[in-house]
Amino acid sequence: MPKIELVTEINSAIGTCFDLARSIDLHKLSTAKTHEQAIAGKTSGLIELNEFVTWQATHFGIRQKLTSKITAFDRPNYFVDEQVKGAFKSMYHEHSFVQMGDKVIMKDSFEFQSPFGIFGKLFNELILTKYLKQFLIERNNMIKTFAETDKWKSILIG
């Protein structure tokens, strides 16, 4: 099963970073190029433990839906979202946050499994892992940009 691990340093407070990472509204902004829309469940605001969101997006020219649920939650340190329905055979995404002085260390651990046996494994190796890593990097860069400026207020305060 492929695993993507990222570490992002952010000059901000841990609570701000945690809340931006679970913001449905910021996720919509950070995924504009795939036209992601929250269409069911929690469709705006901050997602909480045991809540789910269904995203509709276009990836590789195919419109897809993915429903994920928050299965672990310890504000402001940690949360997990897992696919309950969607294109992956499985998807598990851990988000962890540690305050170190003026910086937050935000870590992502993203594990996924594609369907279609050997063809899915080949697709993962040749295309999907790189695509998903770039997708997560772009999302983390937006979290960083908002957290390090006053932009976070437009998302978290309104």
N, C-alpha and C. Protein backbone atom coordinates (compact mmCIF):
# COMPACT_ATOMS: atom_id res chain seq x y z
N MET A 1 0.85 -1.17 0.00
CA MET A 1 0.00 0.00 0.00
C MET A 1 0.89 1.23 0.00
N PRO A 2 0.71 2.14 -0.98
CA PRO A 2 1.52 3.35 -1.02
C PRO A 2 1.26 4.24 0.20
N LYS A 3 2.31 4.94 0.61
CA LYS A 3 2.22 5.85 1.75
C LYS A 3 2.99 7.12 1.41
N ILE A 4 2.32 8.26 1.60
CA ILE A 4 2.93 9.56 1.37
C ILE A 4 3.07 10.23 2.73
N GLU A 5 4.29 10.68 3.04
CA GLU A 5 4.52 11.37 4.30
C GLU A 5 5.10 12.74 3.99
N LEU A 6 4.47 13.76 4.56
CA LEU A 6 4.90 15.14 4.35
C LEU A 6 5.07 15.84 5.69
N VAL A 7 6.02 16.75 5.74
CA VAL A 7 6.22 17.59 6.92
C VAL A 7 6.24 19.04 6.42
N THR A 8 5.41 19.87 7.05
CA THR A 8 5.32 21.28 6.68
C THR A 8 5.53 22.12 7.93
N GLU A 9 6.49 23.05 7.88
CA GLU A 9 6.71 23.98 8.99
C GLU A 9 5.90 25.23 8.74
N ILE A 10 5.17 25.66 9.78
CA ILE A 10 4.29 26.81 9.64
C ILE A 10 4.54 27.77 10.80
N ASN A 11 4.75 29.03 10.50
CA ASN A 11 4.94 30.06 11.53
C ASN A 11 3.57 30.54 12.00
N SER A 12 2.99 29.83 12.93
CA SER A 12 1.65 30.16 13.40
C SER A 12 1.38 29.40 14.69
N ALA A 13 0.17 29.55 15.20
CA ALA A 13 -0.27 28.83 16.40
C ALA A 13 -0.87 27.49 16.01
N ILE A 14 -0.69 26.51 16.85
CA ILE A 14 -1.14 25.15 16.58
C ILE A 14 -2.65 25.08 16.33
N GLY A 15 -3.44 25.79 17.12
CA GLY A 15 -4.89 25.76 16.95
C GLY A 15 -5.33 26.28 15.60
N THR A 16 -4.66 27.32 15.12
CA THR A 16 -4.98 27.89 13.80
C THR A 16 -4.69 26.87 12.70
N CYS A 17 -3.53 26.23 12.77
CA CYS A 17 -3.15 25.23 11.75
C CYS A 17 -4.10 24.04 11.77
N PHE A 18 -4.41 23.57 12.97
CA PHE A 18 -5.32 22.43 13.12
C PHE A 18 -6.68 22.76 12.49
N ASP A 19 -7.22 23.92 12.82
CA ASP A 19 -8.54 24.27 12.31
C ASP A 19 -8.54 24.51 10.81
N LEU A 20 -7.48 25.11 10.27
CA LEU A 20 -7.40 25.27 8.82
C LEU A 20 -7.34 23.92 8.11
N ALA A 21 -6.65 22.95 8.69
CA ALA A 21 -6.53 21.63 8.07
C ALA A 21 -7.86 20.89 8.02
N ARG A 22 -8.78 21.22 8.93
CA ARG A 22 -10.08 20.54 8.93
C ARG A 22 -11.21 21.42 8.41
N SER A 23 -10.84 22.55 7.83
CA SER A 23 -11.82 23.47 7.27
C SER A 23 -12.30 23.00 5.90
N ILE A 24 -13.59 22.79 5.79
CA ILE A 24 -14.18 22.41 4.50
C ILE A 24 -14.02 23.57 3.52
N ASP A 25 -14.19 24.79 4.00
CA ASP A 25 -14.12 25.97 3.13
C ASP A 25 -12.72 26.17 2.55
N LEU A 26 -11.68 26.00 3.37
CA LEU A 26 -10.32 26.14 2.85
C LEU A 26 -9.99 24.99 1.89
N HIS A 27 -10.49 23.80 2.18
CA HIS A 27 -10.25 22.66 1.28
C HIS A 27 -10.83 22.97 -0.10
N LYS A 28 -12.00 23.56 -0.15
CA LYS A 28 -12.60 23.92 -1.44
C LYS A 28 -11.71 24.90 -2.20
N LEU A 29 -11.15 25.88 -1.49
CA LEU A 29 -10.25 26.86 -2.13
C LEU A 29 -8.97 26.20 -2.64
N SER A 30 -8.41 25.29 -1.85
CA SER A 30 -7.12 24.70 -2.19
C SER A 30 -7.23 23.66 -3.31
N THR A 31 -8.44 23.26 -3.64
CA THR A 31 -8.62 22.24 -4.67
C THR A 31 -9.43 22.78 -5.86
N ALA A 32 -9.35 24.06 -6.07
CA ALA A 32 -10.14 24.71 -7.14
C ALA A 32 -9.87 24.11 -8.51
N LYS A 33 -8.64 23.70 -8.78
CA LYS A 33 -8.33 23.20 -10.12
C LYS A 33 -9.00 21.86 -10.43
N THR A 34 -9.41 21.12 -9.39
CA THR A 34 -10.14 19.87 -9.62
C THR A 34 -11.64 20.07 -9.39
N HIS A 35 -12.03 21.33 -9.16
CA HIS A 35 -13.43 21.70 -8.99
C HIS A 35 -14.10 20.92 -7.86
N GLU A 36 -13.38 20.70 -6.76
CA GLU A 36 -13.95 19.94 -5.64
C GLU A 36 -15.07 20.73 -4.99
N GLN A 37 -16.14 20.04 -4.75
CA GLN A 37 -17.29 20.60 -4.06
C GLN A 37 -17.73 19.63 -2.98
N ALA A 38 -18.06 20.15 -1.82
CA ALA A 38 -18.63 19.33 -0.75
C ALA A 38 -20.13 19.25 -1.03
N ILE A 39 -20.62 18.05 -1.31
CA ILE A 39 -22.01 17.92 -1.76
C ILE A 39 -22.92 17.20 -0.76
N ALA A 40 -22.35 16.61 0.27
CA ALA A 40 -23.19 15.94 1.28
C ALA A 40 -22.42 15.88 2.60
N GLY A 41 -23.18 15.69 3.69
CA GLY A 41 -22.58 15.66 5.01
C GLY A 41 -22.23 17.08 5.44
N LYS A 42 -21.06 17.24 6.01
CA LYS A 42 -20.57 18.57 6.43
C LYS A 42 -20.08 19.28 5.18
N THR A 43 -20.75 20.33 4.76
CA THR A 43 -20.40 20.99 3.50
C THR A 43 -19.75 22.36 3.68
N SER A 44 -19.62 22.82 4.93
CA SER A 44 -18.88 24.06 5.20
C SER A 44 -18.51 24.07 6.67
N GLY A 45 -17.61 24.97 7.03
CA GLY A 45 -17.18 25.07 8.42
C GLY A 45 -16.10 24.06 8.77
N LEU A 46 -16.00 23.73 10.05
CA LEU A 46 -14.96 22.84 10.57
C LEU A 46 -15.55 21.46 10.84
N ILE A 47 -14.96 20.47 10.22
CA ILE A 47 -15.43 19.09 10.40
C ILE A 47 -14.96 18.57 11.76
N GLU A 48 -15.79 17.78 12.40
CA GLU A 48 -15.55 17.26 13.76
C GLU A 48 -15.54 15.74 13.76
N LEU A 49 -15.24 15.16 14.90
CA LEU A 49 -15.22 13.71 15.08
C LEU A 49 -16.56 13.10 14.67
N ASN A 50 -16.48 12.01 13.94
CA ASN A 50 -17.63 11.21 13.47
C ASN A 50 -18.47 11.91 12.40
N GLU A 51 -18.06 13.08 11.94
CA GLU A 51 -18.76 13.71 10.83
C GLU A 51 -18.15 13.23 9.52
N PHE A 52 -18.94 13.32 8.47
CA PHE A 52 -18.44 12.94 7.16
C PHE A 52 -18.69 14.05 6.16
N VAL A 53 -17.96 13.99 5.07
CA VAL A 53 -18.16 14.90 3.95
C VAL A 53 -18.04 14.07 2.67
N THR A 54 -18.91 14.36 1.72
CA THR A 54 -18.80 13.77 0.39
C THR A 54 -18.32 14.85 -0.56
N TRP A 55 -17.18 14.57 -1.19
CA TRP A 55 -16.57 15.48 -2.15
C TRP A 55 -16.87 14.99 -3.55
N GLN A 56 -17.13 15.92 -4.44
CA GLN A 56 -17.23 15.62 -5.86
C GLN A 56 -16.15 16.42 -6.55
N ALA A 57 -15.35 15.75 -7.37
CA ALA A 57 -14.23 16.40 -8.04
C ALA A 57 -13.94 15.71 -9.36
N THR A 58 -13.14 16.38 -10.17
CA THR A 58 -12.71 15.80 -11.43
C THR A 58 -11.21 15.53 -11.36
N HIS A 59 -10.86 14.27 -11.46
CA HIS A 59 -9.46 13.85 -11.48
C HIS A 59 -9.24 12.99 -12.72
N PHE A 60 -8.18 13.28 -13.45
CA PHE A 60 -7.85 12.54 -14.67
C PHE A 60 -9.01 12.57 -15.66
N GLY A 61 -9.75 13.69 -15.68
CA GLY A 61 -10.86 13.85 -16.60
C GLY A 61 -12.13 13.09 -16.23
N ILE A 62 -12.15 12.49 -15.03
CA ILE A 62 -13.29 11.70 -14.60
C ILE A 62 -13.91 12.33 -13.36
N ARG A 63 -15.20 12.59 -13.41
CA ARG A 63 -15.90 13.12 -12.24
C ARG A 63 -16.08 11.97 -11.24
N GLN A 64 -15.67 12.23 -10.00
CA GLN A 64 -15.69 11.21 -8.96
C GLN A 64 -16.29 11.75 -7.68
N LYS A 65 -16.74 10.83 -6.84
CA LYS A 65 -17.21 11.19 -5.50
C LYS A 65 -16.41 10.38 -4.49
N LEU A 66 -16.09 11.03 -3.36
CA LEU A 66 -15.38 10.37 -2.28
C LEU A 66 -16.00 10.84 -0.96
N THR A 67 -16.40 9.89 -0.14
CA THR A 67 -16.94 10.22 1.18
C THR A 67 -15.91 9.81 2.21
N SER A 68 -15.53 10.76 3.07
CA SER A 68 -14.60 10.46 4.15
C SER A 68 -15.22 10.85 5.48
N LYS A 69 -14.76 10.19 6.52
CA LYS A 69 -15.28 10.39 7.87
C LYS A 69 -14.10 10.68 8.81
N ILE A 70 -14.32 11.57 9.77
CA ILE A 70 -13.30 11.83 10.79
C ILE A 70 -13.43 10.72 11.84
N THR A 71 -12.40 9.88 11.94
CA THR A 71 -12.47 8.70 12.82
C THR A 71 -11.64 8.83 14.08
N ALA A 72 -10.79 9.83 14.15
CA ALA A 72 -10.00 10.12 15.37
C ALA A 72 -9.83 11.63 15.43
N PHE A 73 -9.83 12.17 16.67
CA PHE A 73 -9.83 13.62 16.80
C PHE A 73 -9.34 14.01 18.18
N ASP A 74 -8.24 14.77 18.25
CA ASP A 74 -7.70 15.26 19.51
C ASP A 74 -7.20 16.69 19.24
N ARG A 75 -8.11 17.66 19.34
CA ARG A 75 -7.76 19.05 19.04
C ARG A 75 -6.79 19.57 20.08
N PRO A 76 -5.71 20.22 19.70
CA PRO A 76 -5.24 20.63 18.38
C PRO A 76 -4.10 19.75 17.85
N ASN A 77 -4.03 18.53 18.30
CA ASN A 77 -2.86 17.69 18.02
C ASN A 77 -2.98 16.72 16.86
N TYR A 78 -4.19 16.23 16.58
CA TYR A 78 -4.27 15.06 15.73
C TYR A 78 -5.70 14.85 15.24
N PHE A 79 -5.84 14.48 13.97
CA PHE A 79 -7.11 13.92 13.50
C PHE A 79 -6.85 13.01 12.32
N VAL A 80 -7.82 12.14 12.07
CA VAL A 80 -7.72 11.15 10.99
C VAL A 80 -8.99 11.21 10.17
N ASP A 81 -8.83 11.22 8.85
CA ASP A 81 -9.99 11.01 7.98
C ASP A 81 -9.77 9.75 7.16
N GLU A 82 -10.85 8.99 7.00
CA GLU A 82 -10.80 7.72 6.26
C GLU A 82 -11.92 7.68 5.25
N GLN A 83 -11.63 7.11 4.09
CA GLN A 83 -12.65 6.94 3.07
C GLN A 83 -13.66 5.90 3.55
N VAL A 84 -14.94 6.23 3.40
CA VAL A 84 -15.99 5.24 3.64
C VAL A 84 -16.65 4.81 2.33
N LYS A 85 -16.48 5.64 1.29
CA LYS A 85 -16.99 5.29 -0.03
C LYS A 85 -16.23 6.10 -1.05
N GLY A 86 -15.84 5.47 -2.14
CA GLY A 86 -15.14 6.22 -3.17
C GLY A 86 -14.30 5.35 -4.07
N ALA A 87 -13.45 6.00 -4.85
CA ALA A 87 -12.66 5.33 -5.89
C ALA A 87 -11.54 4.45 -5.35
N PHE A 88 -11.03 4.78 -4.16
CA PHE A 88 -9.95 3.97 -3.59
C PHE A 88 -10.51 2.67 -3.01
N LYS A 89 -9.67 1.67 -2.99
CA LYS A 89 -10.02 0.46 -2.24
C LYS A 89 -10.00 0.80 -0.76
N SER A 90 -9.03 1.64 -0.36
CA SER A 90 -8.97 2.19 1.00
C SER A 90 -8.17 3.47 0.97
N MET A 91 -8.45 4.35 1.96
CA MET A 91 -7.72 5.61 2.11
C MET A 91 -7.73 6.00 3.58
N TYR A 92 -6.54 6.30 4.12
CA TYR A 92 -6.37 6.64 5.53
C TYR A 92 -5.41 7.81 5.60
N HIS A 93 -5.86 8.93 6.20
CA HIS A 93 -5.04 10.15 6.22
C HIS A 93 -4.93 10.66 7.65
N GLU A 94 -3.73 10.58 8.22
CA GLU A 94 -3.44 11.11 9.55
C GLU A 94 -2.87 12.52 9.41
N HIS A 95 -3.37 13.41 10.26
CA HIS A 95 -2.87 14.79 10.33
C HIS A 95 -2.39 15.00 11.77
N SER A 96 -1.14 15.38 11.96
CA SER A 96 -0.66 15.65 13.32
C SER A 96 0.05 17.00 13.36
N PHE A 97 0.00 17.61 14.55
CA PHE A 97 0.49 18.98 14.74
C PHE A 97 1.25 19.06 16.05
N VAL A 98 2.44 19.68 16.00
CA VAL A 98 3.24 19.88 17.20
C VAL A 98 3.73 21.33 17.18
N GLN A 99 3.51 22.03 18.30
CA GLN A 99 4.01 23.40 18.43
C GLN A 99 5.45 23.33 18.91
N MET A 100 6.35 24.00 18.19
CA MET A 100 7.76 24.06 18.57
C MET A 100 8.18 25.52 18.53
N GLY A 101 8.05 26.19 19.67
CA GLY A 101 8.33 27.63 19.71
C GLY A 101 7.29 28.38 18.91
N ASP A 102 7.75 29.18 17.96
CA ASP A 102 6.85 29.96 17.12
C ASP A 102 6.35 29.18 15.91
N LYS A 103 6.81 27.95 15.75
CA LYS A 103 6.46 27.15 14.57
C LYS A 103 5.58 25.96 14.94
N VAL A 104 4.81 25.56 13.95
CA VAL A 104 4.04 24.32 14.05
C VAL A 104 4.63 23.35 13.03
N ILE A 105 4.83 22.14 13.48
CA ILE A 105 5.24 21.07 12.57
C ILE A 105 3.97 20.29 12.24
N MET A 106 3.54 20.41 11.00
CA MET A 106 2.34 19.71 10.53
C MET A 106 2.79 18.49 9.72
N LYS A 107 2.33 17.33 10.13
CA LYS A 107 2.71 16.10 9.44
C LYS A 107 1.47 15.44 8.86
N ASP A 108 1.63 14.97 7.64
CA ASP A 108 0.60 14.19 6.97
C ASP A 108 1.16 12.80 6.71
N SER A 109 0.34 11.81 6.98
CA SER A 109 0.64 10.44 6.59
C SER A 109 -0.58 9.93 5.84
N PHE A 110 -0.42 9.75 4.56
CA PHE A 110 -1.54 9.42 3.67
C PHE A 110 -1.29 8.05 3.05
N GLU A 111 -2.13 7.09 3.39
CA GLU A 111 -2.03 5.73 2.85
C GLU A 111 -3.26 5.45 2.01
N PHE A 112 -3.04 4.82 0.87
CA PHE A 112 -4.17 4.50 0.01
C PHE A 112 -3.90 3.19 -0.73
N GLN A 113 -4.99 2.61 -1.18
CA GLN A 113 -4.89 1.39 -1.96
C GLN A 113 -5.88 1.52 -3.11
N SER A 114 -5.42 1.30 -4.31
CA SER A 114 -6.27 1.37 -5.48
C SER A 114 -6.91 0.02 -5.76
N PRO A 115 -8.07 0.03 -6.39
CA PRO A 115 -8.67 -1.24 -6.80
C PRO A 115 -7.94 -1.78 -8.04
N PHE A 116 -8.41 -2.83 -8.57
CA PHE A 116 -7.95 -3.43 -9.83
C PHE A 116 -6.62 -4.17 -9.75
N GLY A 117 -6.30 -4.71 -8.57
CA GLY A 117 -5.16 -5.60 -8.42
C GLY A 117 -3.86 -5.06 -8.96
N ILE A 118 -3.21 -5.84 -9.83
CA ILE A 118 -1.89 -5.48 -10.35
C ILE A 118 -1.96 -4.21 -11.20
N PHE A 119 -3.07 -3.99 -11.90
CA PHE A 119 -3.21 -2.77 -12.70
C PHE A 119 -3.28 -1.54 -11.79
N GLY A 120 -3.98 -1.66 -10.66
CA GLY A 120 -4.04 -0.58 -9.69
C GLY A 120 -2.67 -0.30 -9.09
N LYS A 121 -1.93 -1.34 -8.78
CA LYS A 121 -0.57 -1.17 -8.23
C LYS A 121 0.34 -0.48 -9.24
N LEU A 122 0.23 -0.84 -10.49
CA LEU A 122 1.04 -0.23 -11.54
C LEU A 122 0.65 1.25 -11.72
N PHE A 123 -0.64 1.54 -11.71
CA PHE A 123 -1.12 2.93 -11.80
C PHE A 123 -0.60 3.75 -10.62
N ASN A 124 -0.62 3.16 -9.42
CA ASN A 124 -0.08 3.85 -8.24
C ASN A 124 1.38 4.22 -8.46
N GLU A 125 2.14 3.25 -8.90
CA GLU A 125 3.58 3.43 -9.04
C GLU A 125 3.94 4.44 -10.13
N LEU A 126 3.22 4.37 -11.24
CA LEU A 126 3.57 5.22 -12.39
C LEU A 126 2.97 6.62 -12.32
N ILE A 127 1.79 6.76 -11.72
CA ILE A 127 1.08 8.04 -11.83
C ILE A 127 0.50 8.53 -10.51
N LEU A 128 -0.30 7.71 -9.84
CA LEU A 128 -1.16 8.21 -8.77
C LEU A 128 -0.41 8.71 -7.54
N THR A 129 0.64 8.04 -7.11
CA THR A 129 1.36 8.47 -5.91
C THR A 129 1.94 9.86 -6.11
N LYS A 130 2.55 10.11 -7.25
CA LYS A 130 3.11 11.44 -7.54
C LYS A 130 2.00 12.49 -7.61
N TYR A 131 0.90 12.16 -8.24
CA TYR A 131 -0.24 13.07 -8.37
C TYR A 131 -0.79 13.45 -7.00
N LEU A 132 -1.00 12.44 -6.15
CA LEU A 132 -1.56 12.70 -4.82
C LEU A 132 -0.58 13.47 -3.93
N LYS A 133 0.71 13.17 -4.05
CA LYS A 133 1.70 13.91 -3.27
C LYS A 133 1.67 15.38 -3.64
N GLN A 134 1.62 15.70 -4.92
CA GLN A 134 1.56 17.09 -5.37
C GLN A 134 0.27 17.75 -4.90
N PHE A 135 -0.83 17.03 -4.94
CA PHE A 135 -2.13 17.51 -4.48
C PHE A 135 -2.05 17.91 -3.00
N LEU A 136 -1.44 17.05 -2.18
CA LEU A 136 -1.29 17.32 -0.75
C LEU A 136 -0.32 18.47 -0.48
N ILE A 137 0.75 18.55 -1.24
CA ILE A 137 1.70 19.65 -1.08
C ILE A 137 1.02 20.99 -1.36
N GLU A 138 0.24 21.05 -2.43
CA GLU A 138 -0.47 22.30 -2.77
C GLU A 138 -1.46 22.67 -1.67
N ARG A 139 -2.15 21.68 -1.13
CA ARG A 139 -3.10 21.94 -0.05
C ARG A 139 -2.36 22.44 1.20
N ASN A 140 -1.25 21.79 1.54
CA ASN A 140 -0.47 22.21 2.71
C ASN A 140 0.11 23.61 2.53
N ASN A 141 0.51 23.95 1.31
CA ASN A 141 1.03 25.30 1.05
C ASN A 141 -0.06 26.34 1.26
N MET A 142 -1.29 26.01 0.92
CA MET A 142 -2.38 26.96 1.15
C MET A 142 -2.65 27.10 2.65
N ILE A 143 -2.63 25.99 3.38
CA ILE A 143 -2.78 26.06 4.84
C ILE A 143 -1.70 26.96 5.41
N LYS A 144 -0.45 26.76 4.97
CA LYS A 144 0.68 27.57 5.44
C LYS A 144 0.46 29.05 5.12
N THR A 145 0.08 29.35 3.90
CA THR A 145 -0.15 30.74 3.49
C THR A 145 -1.22 31.41 4.34
N PHE A 146 -2.32 30.73 4.56
CA PHE A 146 -3.41 31.31 5.36
C PHE A 146 -2.99 31.45 6.82
N ALA A 147 -2.31 30.44 7.36
CA ALA A 147 -1.93 30.45 8.78
C ALA A 147 -0.90 31.53 9.09
N GLU A 148 -0.01 31.81 8.14
CA GLU A 148 1.07 32.77 8.37
C GLU A 148 0.67 34.21 8.07
N THR A 149 -0.54 34.43 7.62
CA THR A 149 -1.05 35.78 7.34
C THR A 149 -2.41 35.94 8.02
N ASP A 150 -3.00 37.08 7.85
CA ASP A 150 -4.33 37.31 8.41
C ASP A 150 -5.44 36.63 7.60
N LYS A 151 -5.07 35.95 6.51
CA LYS A 151 -6.09 35.29 5.68
C LYS A 151 -6.88 34.24 6.47
N TRP A 152 -6.25 33.64 7.50
CA TRP A 152 -6.94 32.61 8.27
C TRP A 152 -8.23 33.13 8.89
N LYS A 153 -8.28 34.43 9.17
CA LYS A 153 -9.48 35.02 9.79
C LYS A 153 -10.69 34.92 8.86
N SER A 154 -10.47 35.03 7.55
CA SER A 154 -11.58 34.95 6.61
C SER A 154 -12.19 33.54 6.58
N ILE A 155 -11.41 32.55 6.93
CA ILE A 155 -11.89 31.16 6.93
C ILE A 155 -12.44 30.78 8.30
N LEU A 156 -11.72 31.12 9.35
CA LEU A 156 -12.09 30.64 10.68
C LEU A 156 -13.01 31.57 11.45
N ILE A 157 -13.03 32.85 11.09
CA ILE A 157 -13.89 33.79 11.81
C ILE A 157 -15.06 34.22 10.92
N GLY A 158 -14.79 34.35 9.63
CA GLY A 158 -15.87 34.71 8.71
C GLY A 158 -15.88 36.11 8.26
